[in-house]
Amino acid sequence: MNVSDPIGSGLVTSLARPGGNLTGLLLYEEGITGKWLAMLKEIAPGLSRAALIVNPKRSPYDYFVRSARSVAPSLAIELAPSPVENAADIERVIESSAREPNGGLVVLPGTPIEHRDLIIALTARHRLPAVYPFRFFVAAGGLMSYGTDFVDQSRQAASYVDRILRGANAADLPVQAPTKYETVLNLRTAKALGLDVPSSLLVRADEVIE
């Protein structure tokens, strides 16, 4: 679990037939970044630029950026891939994004979560809409998230553990993509940013924090 690009990471040879002694569940499919960009455009229709922040040492950076580049033109969004490793990097990227109008932020998996509160505080200060990969960002004051349901993934992982303990070969068990996602919105944050949350997002939300 918690691996988004097992092929690129060299853990398996293919998703359908892992081929070695490892199998499991994807954290995110490659196309997920396009979904995050689309959500950002939906809640902030004037958005024309988006910084993609992530620590490339903790996440398959190119895996997510490829997806974003394939979708961005159709959304009229200019991308700014922005590797970060520490608090200073995060401050530099967010402050740079805030200097130009109509900017936003996509926080990718692998962004240093120990700096969660800093990211949320800076996006609030600079009034930047942001989308996150995990619910805990939104619970702490972030705008919105769309992410894998970890409880559901844990159940699926348990079934694989059971099958392997009963004699199944990991090489024959396909790497599974997530089947359940959750959307979380923070209406208080949206109001503070001056954003009107479209009804289409509210209807799809699994949790709304008021």
N, C-alpha and C. Protein backbone atom coordinates (compact mmCIF):
# COMPACT_ATOMS: atom_id res chain seq x y z
N MET A 1 0.84 -1.20 0.00
CA MET A 1 0.00 0.00 0.00
C MET A 1 0.88 1.25 0.00
N ASN A 2 0.24 2.40 -0.31
CA ASN A 2 0.93 3.69 -0.28
C ASN A 2 2.02 3.84 -1.33
N VAL A 3 1.89 3.10 -2.44
CA VAL A 3 2.81 3.24 -3.56
C VAL A 3 1.98 3.62 -4.79
N SER A 4 2.37 4.70 -5.48
CA SER A 4 1.59 5.15 -6.62
C SER A 4 2.15 4.66 -7.95
N ASP A 5 3.44 4.42 -8.03
CA ASP A 5 4.05 4.01 -9.30
C ASP A 5 4.96 2.81 -9.08
N PRO A 6 4.38 1.65 -8.82
CA PRO A 6 5.22 0.48 -8.52
C PRO A 6 6.06 0.01 -9.70
N ILE A 7 5.61 0.28 -10.94
CA ILE A 7 6.40 -0.11 -12.10
C ILE A 7 7.62 0.82 -12.22
N GLY A 8 7.37 2.14 -12.18
CA GLY A 8 8.47 3.09 -12.27
C GLY A 8 9.44 2.97 -11.11
N SER A 9 8.94 2.52 -9.97
CA SER A 9 9.80 2.35 -8.79
C SER A 9 10.58 1.05 -8.83
N GLY A 10 10.27 0.20 -9.82
CA GLY A 10 10.97 -1.07 -9.96
C GLY A 10 10.50 -2.17 -9.03
N LEU A 11 9.32 -1.99 -8.43
CA LEU A 11 8.82 -2.99 -7.48
C LEU A 11 8.14 -4.16 -8.19
N VAL A 12 7.47 -3.88 -9.33
CA VAL A 12 6.80 -4.92 -10.10
C VAL A 12 7.09 -4.69 -11.58
N THR A 13 6.91 -5.74 -12.39
CA THR A 13 7.14 -5.59 -13.83
C THR A 13 5.90 -5.13 -14.56
N SER A 14 4.73 -5.44 -14.04
CA SER A 14 3.47 -4.95 -14.60
C SER A 14 2.40 -5.00 -13.53
N LEU A 15 1.33 -4.24 -13.73
CA LEU A 15 0.25 -4.26 -12.74
C LEU A 15 -0.55 -5.56 -12.82
N ALA A 16 -0.75 -6.05 -14.03
CA ALA A 16 -1.56 -7.27 -14.20
C ALA A 16 -0.85 -8.51 -13.68
N ARG A 17 0.47 -8.58 -13.92
CA ARG A 17 1.26 -9.72 -13.45
C ARG A 17 2.55 -9.17 -12.83
N PRO A 18 2.53 -8.95 -11.53
CA PRO A 18 3.69 -8.33 -10.87
C PRO A 18 5.01 -9.04 -11.13
N GLY A 19 4.97 -10.37 -11.20
CA GLY A 19 6.14 -11.12 -11.65
C GLY A 19 7.21 -11.40 -10.61
N GLY A 20 7.15 -10.82 -9.45
CA GLY A 20 8.18 -11.06 -8.44
C GLY A 20 7.56 -11.56 -7.16
N ASN A 21 8.01 -11.02 -6.05
CA ASN A 21 7.50 -11.46 -4.75
C ASN A 21 6.70 -10.35 -4.07
N LEU A 22 6.21 -9.39 -4.88
CA LEU A 22 5.45 -8.26 -4.34
C LEU A 22 4.16 -8.06 -5.13
N THR A 23 3.14 -7.67 -4.43
CA THR A 23 1.91 -7.19 -5.05
C THR A 23 1.25 -6.24 -4.04
N GLY A 24 0.12 -5.67 -4.40
CA GLY A 24 -0.50 -4.76 -3.45
C GLY A 24 -1.55 -3.88 -4.10
N LEU A 25 -1.71 -2.68 -3.54
CA LEU A 25 -2.73 -1.75 -4.01
C LEU A 25 -2.09 -0.40 -4.30
N LEU A 26 -2.45 0.18 -5.44
CA LEU A 26 -1.96 1.51 -5.78
C LEU A 26 -2.53 2.54 -4.81
N LEU A 27 -1.71 3.51 -4.45
CA LEU A 27 -2.23 4.64 -3.68
C LEU A 27 -3.05 5.53 -4.61
N TYR A 28 -2.46 5.88 -5.78
CA TYR A 28 -3.16 6.70 -6.77
C TYR A 28 -2.77 6.27 -8.17
N GLU A 29 -3.74 6.25 -9.07
CA GLU A 29 -3.45 6.02 -10.47
C GLU A 29 -2.86 7.30 -11.07
N GLU A 30 -2.18 7.14 -12.20
CA GLU A 30 -1.46 8.26 -12.81
C GLU A 30 -2.39 9.42 -13.17
N GLY A 31 -3.61 9.13 -13.59
CA GLY A 31 -4.51 10.17 -14.04
C GLY A 31 -5.11 11.02 -12.94
N ILE A 32 -4.79 10.75 -11.69
CA ILE A 32 -5.42 11.46 -10.58
C ILE A 32 -5.11 12.94 -10.59
N THR A 33 -3.94 13.33 -11.09
CA THR A 33 -3.58 14.76 -11.07
C THR A 33 -4.52 15.57 -11.94
N GLY A 34 -4.97 14.97 -13.04
CA GLY A 34 -5.95 15.66 -13.88
C GLY A 34 -7.25 15.91 -13.14
N LYS A 35 -7.64 14.97 -12.30
CA LYS A 35 -8.84 15.15 -11.49
C LYS A 35 -8.67 16.30 -10.51
N TRP A 36 -7.51 16.39 -9.87
CA TRP A 36 -7.26 17.48 -8.92
C TRP A 36 -7.28 18.83 -9.62
N LEU A 37 -6.68 18.91 -10.80
CA LEU A 37 -6.70 20.16 -11.55
C LEU A 37 -8.12 20.56 -11.93
N ALA A 38 -8.91 19.58 -12.37
CA ALA A 38 -10.29 19.87 -12.76
C ALA A 38 -11.10 20.37 -11.58
N MET A 39 -10.90 19.81 -10.40
CA MET A 39 -11.60 20.27 -9.21
C MET A 39 -11.21 21.70 -8.85
N LEU A 40 -9.93 21.99 -9.01
CA LEU A 40 -9.44 23.34 -8.70
C LEU A 40 -10.08 24.36 -9.65
N LYS A 41 -10.18 23.99 -10.93
CA LYS A 41 -10.80 24.88 -11.90
C LYS A 41 -12.29 25.03 -11.64
N GLU A 42 -12.90 23.98 -11.14
CA GLU A 42 -14.34 24.00 -10.87
C GLU A 42 -14.67 24.97 -9.74
N ILE A 43 -13.87 24.97 -8.70
CA ILE A 43 -14.16 25.83 -7.56
C ILE A 43 -13.62 27.24 -7.76
N ALA A 44 -12.63 27.39 -8.66
CA ALA A 44 -12.06 28.71 -8.96
C ALA A 44 -11.98 28.85 -10.48
N PRO A 45 -13.10 29.15 -11.14
CA PRO A 45 -13.15 29.16 -12.61
C PRO A 45 -12.15 30.09 -13.28
N GLY A 46 -11.72 31.13 -12.57
CA GLY A 46 -10.76 32.06 -13.15
C GLY A 46 -9.32 31.58 -13.09
N LEU A 47 -9.10 30.41 -12.51
CA LEU A 47 -7.75 29.88 -12.34
C LEU A 47 -7.04 29.72 -13.70
N SER A 48 -5.83 30.23 -13.79
CA SER A 48 -5.06 30.08 -15.03
C SER A 48 -3.67 29.52 -14.80
N ARG A 49 -3.25 29.42 -13.53
CA ARG A 49 -1.94 28.87 -13.20
C ARG A 49 -2.06 27.98 -11.98
N ALA A 50 -1.29 26.90 -11.96
CA ALA A 50 -1.30 26.00 -10.80
C ALA A 50 0.11 25.50 -10.52
N ALA A 51 0.55 25.70 -9.29
CA ALA A 51 1.82 25.13 -8.85
C ALA A 51 1.57 23.71 -8.36
N LEU A 52 2.43 22.79 -8.74
CA LEU A 52 2.34 21.40 -8.30
C LEU A 52 3.48 21.18 -7.31
N ILE A 53 3.17 21.04 -6.04
CA ILE A 53 4.25 20.89 -5.06
C ILE A 53 4.33 19.45 -4.54
N VAL A 54 5.56 18.98 -4.41
CA VAL A 54 5.82 17.62 -3.94
C VAL A 54 7.31 17.50 -3.64
N ASN A 55 7.64 16.63 -2.73
CA ASN A 55 9.05 16.28 -2.49
C ASN A 55 9.39 15.10 -3.40
N PRO A 56 10.21 15.31 -4.45
CA PRO A 56 10.49 14.22 -5.38
C PRO A 56 11.24 13.06 -4.76
N LYS A 57 11.81 13.26 -3.57
CA LYS A 57 12.50 12.16 -2.89
C LYS A 57 11.51 11.23 -2.19
N ARG A 58 10.27 11.69 -2.06
CA ARG A 58 9.26 10.89 -1.36
C ARG A 58 8.15 10.41 -2.27
N SER A 59 8.15 10.84 -3.51
CA SER A 59 7.02 10.55 -4.40
C SER A 59 7.50 10.46 -5.84
N PRO A 60 6.81 9.67 -6.66
CA PRO A 60 7.17 9.59 -8.09
C PRO A 60 6.74 10.85 -8.83
N TYR A 61 7.59 11.86 -8.77
CA TYR A 61 7.26 13.20 -9.26
C TYR A 61 6.78 13.18 -10.71
N ASP A 62 7.56 12.57 -11.60
CA ASP A 62 7.21 12.55 -13.03
C ASP A 62 5.87 11.85 -13.28
N TYR A 63 5.59 10.85 -12.49
CA TYR A 63 4.34 10.08 -12.61
C TYR A 63 3.13 11.01 -12.52
N PHE A 64 3.15 11.92 -11.56
CA PHE A 64 2.03 12.84 -11.37
C PHE A 64 2.08 14.01 -12.35
N VAL A 65 3.26 14.51 -12.65
CA VAL A 65 3.38 15.66 -13.54
C VAL A 65 2.95 15.31 -14.96
N ARG A 66 3.24 14.10 -15.42
CA ARG A 66 2.82 13.67 -16.77
C ARG A 66 1.32 13.79 -16.93
N SER A 67 0.59 13.33 -15.93
CA SER A 67 -0.87 13.39 -15.97
C SER A 67 -1.35 14.83 -16.01
N ALA A 68 -0.73 15.68 -15.21
CA ALA A 68 -1.13 17.09 -15.17
C ALA A 68 -0.91 17.76 -16.52
N ARG A 69 0.22 17.46 -17.14
CA ARG A 69 0.54 18.09 -18.43
C ARG A 69 -0.42 17.66 -19.54
N SER A 70 -0.94 16.47 -19.44
CA SER A 70 -1.86 15.99 -20.47
C SER A 70 -3.24 16.64 -20.36
N VAL A 71 -3.61 17.10 -19.17
CA VAL A 71 -4.94 17.65 -18.93
C VAL A 71 -4.94 19.17 -18.92
N ALA A 72 -3.86 19.79 -18.48
CA ALA A 72 -3.81 21.24 -18.27
C ALA A 72 -4.26 22.07 -19.48
N PRO A 73 -3.84 21.74 -20.71
CA PRO A 73 -4.25 22.58 -21.84
C PRO A 73 -5.76 22.66 -22.01
N SER A 74 -6.46 21.56 -21.79
CA SER A 74 -7.92 21.57 -21.96
C SER A 74 -8.61 22.40 -20.89
N LEU A 75 -7.92 22.64 -19.77
CA LEU A 75 -8.48 23.45 -18.69
C LEU A 75 -7.95 24.89 -18.73
N ALA A 76 -7.11 25.18 -19.72
CA ALA A 76 -6.49 26.50 -19.85
C ALA A 76 -5.71 26.86 -18.58
N ILE A 77 -4.94 25.89 -18.10
CA ILE A 77 -4.13 26.09 -16.90
C ILE A 77 -2.66 25.95 -17.26
N GLU A 78 -1.87 26.92 -16.84
CA GLU A 78 -0.42 26.85 -17.00
C GLU A 78 0.16 26.20 -15.75
N LEU A 79 1.01 25.20 -15.93
CA LEU A 79 1.55 24.47 -14.80
C LEU A 79 2.90 25.00 -14.37
N ALA A 80 3.14 24.92 -13.08
CA ALA A 80 4.45 25.27 -12.52
C ALA A 80 4.89 24.13 -11.60
N PRO A 81 5.50 23.06 -12.16
CA PRO A 81 6.00 21.99 -11.30
C PRO A 81 7.02 22.55 -10.31
N SER A 82 6.81 22.27 -9.02
CA SER A 82 7.60 22.94 -7.98
C SER A 82 8.07 21.94 -6.93
N PRO A 83 9.23 21.33 -7.14
CA PRO A 83 9.77 20.42 -6.13
C PRO A 83 10.09 21.16 -4.83
N VAL A 84 9.75 20.55 -3.71
CA VAL A 84 10.05 21.14 -2.40
C VAL A 84 10.60 20.06 -1.49
N GLU A 85 11.48 20.48 -0.58
CA GLU A 85 12.03 19.53 0.38
C GLU A 85 11.91 20.01 1.82
N ASN A 86 11.67 21.31 2.00
CA ASN A 86 11.66 21.83 3.36
C ASN A 86 10.73 23.05 3.44
N ALA A 87 10.64 23.62 4.63
CA ALA A 87 9.74 24.75 4.85
C ALA A 87 10.11 25.95 4.00
N ALA A 88 11.40 26.20 3.84
CA ALA A 88 11.83 27.35 3.04
C ALA A 88 11.39 27.19 1.59
N ASP A 89 11.49 25.97 1.06
CA ASP A 89 11.05 25.71 -0.31
C ASP A 89 9.55 25.97 -0.46
N ILE A 90 8.80 25.51 0.52
CA ILE A 90 7.35 25.67 0.48
C ILE A 90 6.97 27.15 0.50
N GLU A 91 7.59 27.91 1.38
CA GLU A 91 7.31 29.35 1.44
C GLU A 91 7.66 30.03 0.12
N ARG A 92 8.79 29.67 -0.46
CA ARG A 92 9.21 30.28 -1.72
C ARG A 92 8.21 29.99 -2.83
N VAL A 93 7.75 28.75 -2.95
CA VAL A 93 6.83 28.36 -4.02
C VAL A 93 5.48 29.05 -3.86
N ILE A 94 4.94 29.04 -2.65
CA ILE A 94 3.62 29.63 -2.44
C ILE A 94 3.66 31.15 -2.60
N GLU A 95 4.69 31.77 -2.10
CA GLU A 95 4.80 33.22 -2.26
C GLU A 95 4.99 33.60 -3.72
N SER A 96 5.73 32.79 -4.46
CA SER A 96 5.89 33.04 -5.90
C SER A 96 4.56 32.89 -6.63
N SER A 97 3.78 31.89 -6.26
CA SER A 97 2.47 31.67 -6.89
C SER A 97 1.53 32.84 -6.62
N ALA A 98 1.68 33.45 -5.45
CA ALA A 98 0.77 34.52 -5.06
C ALA A 98 1.07 35.85 -5.75
N ARG A 99 2.25 35.96 -6.35
CA ARG A 99 2.63 37.24 -6.97
C ARG A 99 1.84 37.52 -8.25
N GLU A 100 1.37 36.45 -8.91
CA GLU A 100 0.61 36.60 -10.14
C GLU A 100 -0.86 36.28 -9.85
N PRO A 101 -1.79 36.93 -10.57
CA PRO A 101 -3.21 36.66 -10.31
C PRO A 101 -3.65 35.30 -10.82
N ASN A 102 -4.79 34.85 -10.29
CA ASN A 102 -5.45 33.62 -10.77
C ASN A 102 -4.59 32.37 -10.59
N GLY A 103 -3.86 32.31 -9.50
CA GLY A 103 -3.04 31.15 -9.23
C GLY A 103 -3.71 30.19 -8.26
N GLY A 104 -3.22 28.98 -8.23
CA GLY A 104 -3.72 27.96 -7.32
C GLY A 104 -2.63 26.94 -7.04
N LEU A 105 -2.97 25.95 -6.22
CA LEU A 105 -1.98 25.01 -5.72
C LEU A 105 -2.55 23.60 -5.74
N VAL A 106 -1.76 22.66 -6.27
CA VAL A 106 -2.08 21.24 -6.16
C VAL A 106 -1.00 20.62 -5.29
N VAL A 107 -1.40 20.13 -4.14
CA VAL A 107 -0.47 19.49 -3.21
C VAL A 107 -0.46 18.00 -3.52
N LEU A 108 0.65 17.50 -4.05
CA LEU A 108 0.72 16.11 -4.49
C LEU A 108 1.13 15.19 -3.34
N PRO A 109 0.79 13.90 -3.44
CA PRO A 109 1.30 12.95 -2.45
C PRO A 109 2.83 13.00 -2.43
N GLY A 110 3.40 13.00 -1.26
CA GLY A 110 4.84 13.13 -1.14
C GLY A 110 5.27 14.50 -0.67
N THR A 111 4.33 15.45 -0.65
CA THR A 111 4.62 16.75 -0.05
C THR A 111 4.85 16.54 1.44
N PRO A 112 5.86 17.17 2.02
CA PRO A 112 6.16 16.94 3.44
C PRO A 112 4.96 17.25 4.34
N ILE A 113 4.33 16.21 4.87
CA ILE A 113 3.13 16.43 5.67
C ILE A 113 3.45 17.07 7.02
N GLU A 114 4.73 17.03 7.41
CA GLU A 114 5.09 17.71 8.66
C GLU A 114 4.95 19.22 8.52
N HIS A 115 4.81 19.69 7.27
CA HIS A 115 4.61 21.12 7.04
C HIS A 115 3.17 21.43 6.63
N ARG A 116 2.27 20.54 7.00
CA ARG A 116 0.86 20.72 6.66
C ARG A 116 0.33 22.08 7.12
N ASP A 117 0.55 22.41 8.37
CA ASP A 117 0.00 23.66 8.91
C ASP A 117 0.60 24.89 8.23
N LEU A 118 1.88 24.80 7.85
CA LEU A 118 2.52 25.91 7.14
C LEU A 118 1.87 26.11 5.78
N ILE A 119 1.63 25.03 5.06
CA ILE A 119 1.01 25.13 3.73
C ILE A 119 -0.37 25.75 3.84
N ILE A 120 -1.15 25.29 4.80
CA ILE A 120 -2.52 25.79 4.97
C ILE A 120 -2.50 27.27 5.37
N ALA A 121 -1.58 27.64 6.26
CA ALA A 121 -1.49 29.04 6.69
C ALA A 121 -1.09 29.95 5.54
N LEU A 122 -0.14 29.52 4.72
CA LEU A 122 0.33 30.34 3.61
C LEU A 122 -0.73 30.48 2.51
N THR A 123 -1.46 29.40 2.22
CA THR A 123 -2.51 29.50 1.20
C THR A 123 -3.63 30.42 1.69
N ALA A 124 -3.90 30.41 3.00
CA ALA A 124 -4.92 31.31 3.55
C ALA A 124 -4.44 32.75 3.49
N ARG A 125 -3.18 32.98 3.87
CA ARG A 125 -2.65 34.34 3.88
C ARG A 125 -2.65 34.96 2.48
N HIS A 126 -2.30 34.13 1.49
CA HIS A 126 -2.20 34.64 0.13
C HIS A 126 -3.47 34.40 -0.70
N ARG A 127 -4.49 33.84 -0.02
CA ARG A 127 -5.79 33.62 -0.66
C ARG A 127 -5.66 32.79 -1.94
N LEU A 128 -4.94 31.66 -1.81
CA LEU A 128 -4.75 30.76 -2.94
C LEU A 128 -5.64 29.53 -2.77
N PRO A 129 -6.48 29.19 -3.73
CA PRO A 129 -7.22 27.94 -3.66
C PRO A 129 -6.26 26.77 -3.82
N ALA A 130 -6.50 25.72 -3.06
CA ALA A 130 -5.61 24.56 -3.11
C ALA A 130 -6.42 23.28 -2.98
N VAL A 131 -5.94 22.24 -3.65
CA VAL A 131 -6.55 20.91 -3.52
C VAL A 131 -5.49 19.96 -2.99
N TYR A 132 -5.93 19.06 -2.09
CA TYR A 132 -5.01 18.19 -1.38
C TYR A 132 -5.35 16.72 -1.64
N PRO A 133 -4.36 15.81 -1.45
CA PRO A 133 -4.61 14.39 -1.70
C PRO A 133 -5.17 13.63 -0.51
N PHE A 134 -5.19 14.29 0.68
CA PHE A 134 -5.61 13.59 1.89
C PHE A 134 -6.56 14.45 2.71
N ARG A 135 -7.51 13.80 3.36
CA ARG A 135 -8.52 14.48 4.15
C ARG A 135 -7.94 15.31 5.27
N PHE A 136 -6.85 14.85 5.90
CA PHE A 136 -6.36 15.54 7.09
C PHE A 136 -5.91 16.98 6.80
N PHE A 137 -5.59 17.28 5.55
CA PHE A 137 -5.29 18.68 5.20
C PHE A 137 -6.55 19.54 5.34
N VAL A 138 -7.67 19.02 4.89
CA VAL A 138 -8.92 19.78 4.93
C VAL A 138 -9.43 19.89 6.36
N ALA A 139 -9.29 18.84 7.13
CA ALA A 139 -9.72 18.88 8.53
C ALA A 139 -8.94 19.94 9.31
N ALA A 140 -7.72 20.23 8.85
CA ALA A 140 -6.88 21.23 9.52
C ALA A 140 -7.07 22.63 8.95
N GLY A 141 -7.98 22.78 7.98
CA GLY A 141 -8.26 24.11 7.44
C GLY A 141 -8.01 24.28 5.96
N GLY A 142 -7.56 23.23 5.28
CA GLY A 142 -7.37 23.30 3.83
C GLY A 142 -8.71 23.37 3.12
N LEU A 143 -8.68 23.75 1.84
CA LEU A 143 -9.91 23.98 1.09
C LEU A 143 -10.65 22.71 0.73
N MET A 144 -9.99 21.78 0.06
CA MET A 144 -10.70 20.57 -0.38
C MET A 144 -9.69 19.47 -0.69
N SER A 145 -10.19 18.24 -0.65
CA SER A 145 -9.35 17.09 -0.97
C SER A 145 -10.15 16.07 -1.75
N TYR A 146 -9.43 15.30 -2.52
CA TYR A 146 -10.01 14.15 -3.21
C TYR A 146 -8.98 13.05 -3.09
N GLY A 147 -9.33 12.00 -2.35
CA GLY A 147 -8.31 11.01 -2.08
C GLY A 147 -8.84 9.61 -1.89
N THR A 148 -7.92 8.68 -1.90
CA THR A 148 -8.21 7.27 -1.69
C THR A 148 -8.81 7.05 -0.31
N ASP A 149 -9.80 6.18 -0.25
CA ASP A 149 -10.40 5.79 1.02
C ASP A 149 -9.51 4.74 1.66
N PHE A 150 -8.75 5.13 2.69
CA PHE A 150 -7.76 4.21 3.27
C PHE A 150 -8.38 3.04 4.01
N VAL A 151 -9.57 3.24 4.55
CA VAL A 151 -10.25 2.12 5.23
C VAL A 151 -10.59 1.04 4.22
N ASP A 152 -11.12 1.45 3.08
CA ASP A 152 -11.45 0.49 2.02
C ASP A 152 -10.18 -0.21 1.52
N GLN A 153 -9.10 0.55 1.34
CA GLN A 153 -7.85 -0.06 0.88
C GLN A 153 -7.32 -1.08 1.88
N SER A 154 -7.45 -0.77 3.16
CA SER A 154 -6.96 -1.69 4.18
C SER A 154 -7.73 -3.01 4.14
N ARG A 155 -9.03 -2.91 3.89
CA ARG A 155 -9.82 -4.14 3.77
C ARG A 155 -9.34 -4.98 2.58
N GLN A 156 -9.09 -4.31 1.45
CA GLN A 156 -8.62 -5.04 0.28
C GLN A 156 -7.23 -5.65 0.53
N ALA A 157 -6.39 -4.91 1.21
CA ALA A 157 -5.05 -5.43 1.52
C ALA A 157 -5.15 -6.66 2.42
N ALA A 158 -6.07 -6.62 3.37
CA ALA A 158 -6.25 -7.76 4.27
C ALA A 158 -6.65 -9.01 3.50
N SER A 159 -7.47 -8.84 2.46
CA SER A 159 -7.88 -10.01 1.67
C SER A 159 -6.70 -10.59 0.91
N TYR A 160 -5.78 -9.72 0.47
CA TYR A 160 -4.57 -10.22 -0.21
C TYR A 160 -3.65 -10.95 0.77
N VAL A 161 -3.52 -10.41 1.97
CA VAL A 161 -2.72 -11.09 2.99
C VAL A 161 -3.28 -12.49 3.25
N ASP A 162 -4.60 -12.58 3.35
CA ASP A 162 -5.25 -13.86 3.58
C ASP A 162 -4.96 -14.84 2.45
N ARG A 163 -5.06 -14.36 1.21
CA ARG A 163 -4.84 -15.26 0.07
C ARG A 163 -3.40 -15.75 0.01
N ILE A 164 -2.45 -14.86 0.32
CA ILE A 164 -1.04 -15.25 0.28
C ILE A 164 -0.72 -16.24 1.40
N LEU A 165 -1.29 -16.01 2.59
CA LEU A 165 -1.07 -16.95 3.70
C LEU A 165 -1.68 -18.31 3.41
N ARG A 166 -2.67 -18.33 2.54
CA ARG A 166 -3.29 -19.61 2.16
C ARG A 166 -2.60 -20.26 0.96
N GLY A 167 -1.51 -19.64 0.49
CA GLY A 167 -0.72 -20.30 -0.55
C GLY A 167 -0.68 -19.61 -1.90
N ALA A 168 -1.41 -18.52 -2.08
CA ALA A 168 -1.38 -17.82 -3.37
C ALA A 168 -0.01 -17.20 -3.60
N ASN A 169 0.37 -17.12 -4.87
CA ASN A 169 1.66 -16.55 -5.25
C ASN A 169 1.48 -15.06 -5.53
N ALA A 170 2.26 -14.23 -4.85
CA ALA A 170 2.14 -12.78 -5.05
C ALA A 170 2.32 -12.38 -6.51
N ALA A 171 3.17 -13.10 -7.21
CA ALA A 171 3.44 -12.78 -8.62
C ALA A 171 2.19 -12.91 -9.49
N ASP A 172 1.23 -13.69 -9.03
CA ASP A 172 0.01 -13.93 -9.82
C ASP A 172 -1.16 -13.03 -9.41
N LEU A 173 -0.96 -12.24 -8.37
CA LEU A 173 -2.05 -11.37 -7.88
C LEU A 173 -1.84 -9.96 -8.43
N PRO A 174 -2.74 -9.48 -9.29
CA PRO A 174 -2.53 -8.16 -9.90
C PRO A 174 -2.52 -7.04 -8.87
N VAL A 175 -1.73 -6.02 -9.16
CA VAL A 175 -1.75 -4.81 -8.34
C VAL A 175 -3.08 -4.11 -8.61
N GLN A 176 -3.83 -3.85 -7.56
CA GLN A 176 -5.18 -3.29 -7.72
C GLN A 176 -5.16 -1.77 -7.62
N ALA A 177 -5.99 -1.15 -8.45
CA ALA A 177 -6.18 0.30 -8.38
C ALA A 177 -7.22 0.61 -7.30
N PRO A 178 -7.19 1.80 -6.74
CA PRO A 178 -8.21 2.17 -5.76
C PRO A 178 -9.61 2.09 -6.38
N THR A 179 -10.57 1.68 -5.60
CA THR A 179 -11.94 1.58 -6.09
C THR A 179 -12.87 2.56 -5.38
N LYS A 180 -12.40 3.17 -4.31
CA LYS A 180 -13.25 4.08 -3.56
C LYS A 180 -12.47 5.34 -3.19
N TYR A 181 -13.03 6.48 -3.55
CA TYR A 181 -12.41 7.77 -3.24
C TYR A 181 -13.38 8.59 -2.39
N GLU A 182 -12.84 9.61 -1.72
CA GLU A 182 -13.69 10.50 -0.94
C GLU A 182 -13.33 11.95 -1.21
N THR A 183 -14.37 12.77 -1.34
CA THR A 183 -14.21 14.20 -1.55
C THR A 183 -14.60 14.92 -0.26
N VAL A 184 -13.72 15.81 0.20
CA VAL A 184 -13.98 16.55 1.43
C VAL A 184 -13.83 18.04 1.13
N LEU A 185 -14.82 18.84 1.56
CA LEU A 185 -14.81 20.28 1.35
C LEU A 185 -14.85 21.01 2.68
N ASN A 186 -14.14 22.12 2.76
CA ASN A 186 -14.19 22.97 3.94
C ASN A 186 -14.86 24.28 3.54
N LEU A 187 -16.12 24.43 3.88
CA LEU A 187 -16.89 25.61 3.48
C LEU A 187 -16.40 26.89 4.16
N ARG A 188 -15.92 26.76 5.38
CA ARG A 188 -15.41 27.93 6.09
C ARG A 188 -14.19 28.50 5.36
N THR A 189 -13.33 27.61 4.89
CA THR A 189 -12.16 28.05 4.15
C THR A 189 -12.55 28.65 2.81
N ALA A 190 -13.52 28.04 2.14
CA ALA A 190 -13.99 28.58 0.86
C ALA A 190 -14.51 30.00 1.04
N LYS A 191 -15.26 30.22 2.10
CA LYS A 191 -15.81 31.55 2.37
C LYS A 191 -14.69 32.55 2.63
N ALA A 192 -13.68 32.14 3.39
CA ALA A 192 -12.56 33.02 3.69
C ALA A 192 -11.78 33.40 2.44
N LEU A 193 -11.76 32.50 1.46
CA LEU A 193 -11.06 32.75 0.20
C LEU A 193 -11.94 33.50 -0.81
N GLY A 194 -13.20 33.72 -0.43
CA GLY A 194 -14.12 34.41 -1.33
C GLY A 194 -14.60 33.54 -2.48
N LEU A 195 -14.65 32.24 -2.27
CA LEU A 195 -15.05 31.31 -3.32
C LEU A 195 -16.48 30.83 -3.10
N ASP A 196 -17.25 30.77 -4.16
CA ASP A 196 -18.57 30.16 -4.13
C ASP A 196 -18.44 28.70 -4.55
N VAL A 197 -18.75 27.80 -3.65
CA VAL A 197 -18.62 26.37 -3.95
C VAL A 197 -19.77 25.97 -4.87
N PRO A 198 -19.48 25.47 -6.07
CA PRO A 198 -20.56 25.09 -6.99
C PRO A 198 -21.35 23.90 -6.45
N SER A 199 -22.61 23.87 -6.78
CA SER A 199 -23.47 22.78 -6.29
C SER A 199 -22.98 21.43 -6.78
N SER A 200 -22.34 21.40 -7.95
CA SER A 200 -21.83 20.13 -8.48
C SER A 200 -20.78 19.52 -7.53
N LEU A 201 -19.97 20.35 -6.91
CA LEU A 201 -18.99 19.86 -5.94
C LEU A 201 -19.64 19.45 -4.63
N LEU A 202 -20.61 20.25 -4.19
CA LEU A 202 -21.29 19.92 -2.94
C LEU A 202 -22.02 18.59 -3.03
N VAL A 203 -22.64 18.34 -4.15
CA VAL A 203 -23.38 17.09 -4.33
C VAL A 203 -22.44 15.89 -4.28
N ARG A 204 -21.24 16.06 -4.82
CA ARG A 204 -20.29 14.94 -4.88
C ARG A 204 -19.53 14.74 -3.57
N ALA A 205 -19.58 15.72 -2.69
CA ALA A 205 -18.77 15.67 -1.47
C ALA A 205 -19.24 14.55 -0.53
N ASP A 206 -18.29 13.80 -0.02
CA ASP A 206 -18.60 12.78 0.99
C ASP A 206 -18.64 13.39 2.38
N GLU A 207 -17.96 14.52 2.54
CA GLU A 207 -17.94 15.21 3.84
C GLU A 207 -17.80 16.71 3.59
N VAL A 208 -18.61 17.49 4.29
CA VAL A 208 -18.54 18.94 4.20
C VAL A 208 -18.27 19.48 5.60
N ILE A 209 -17.16 20.19 5.73
CA ILE A 209 -16.79 20.77 7.02
C ILE A 209 -17.25 22.22 7.05
N GLU A 210 -18.09 22.56 8.02
CA GLU A 210 -18.65 23.90 8.10
C GLU A 210 -18.11 24.67 9.28
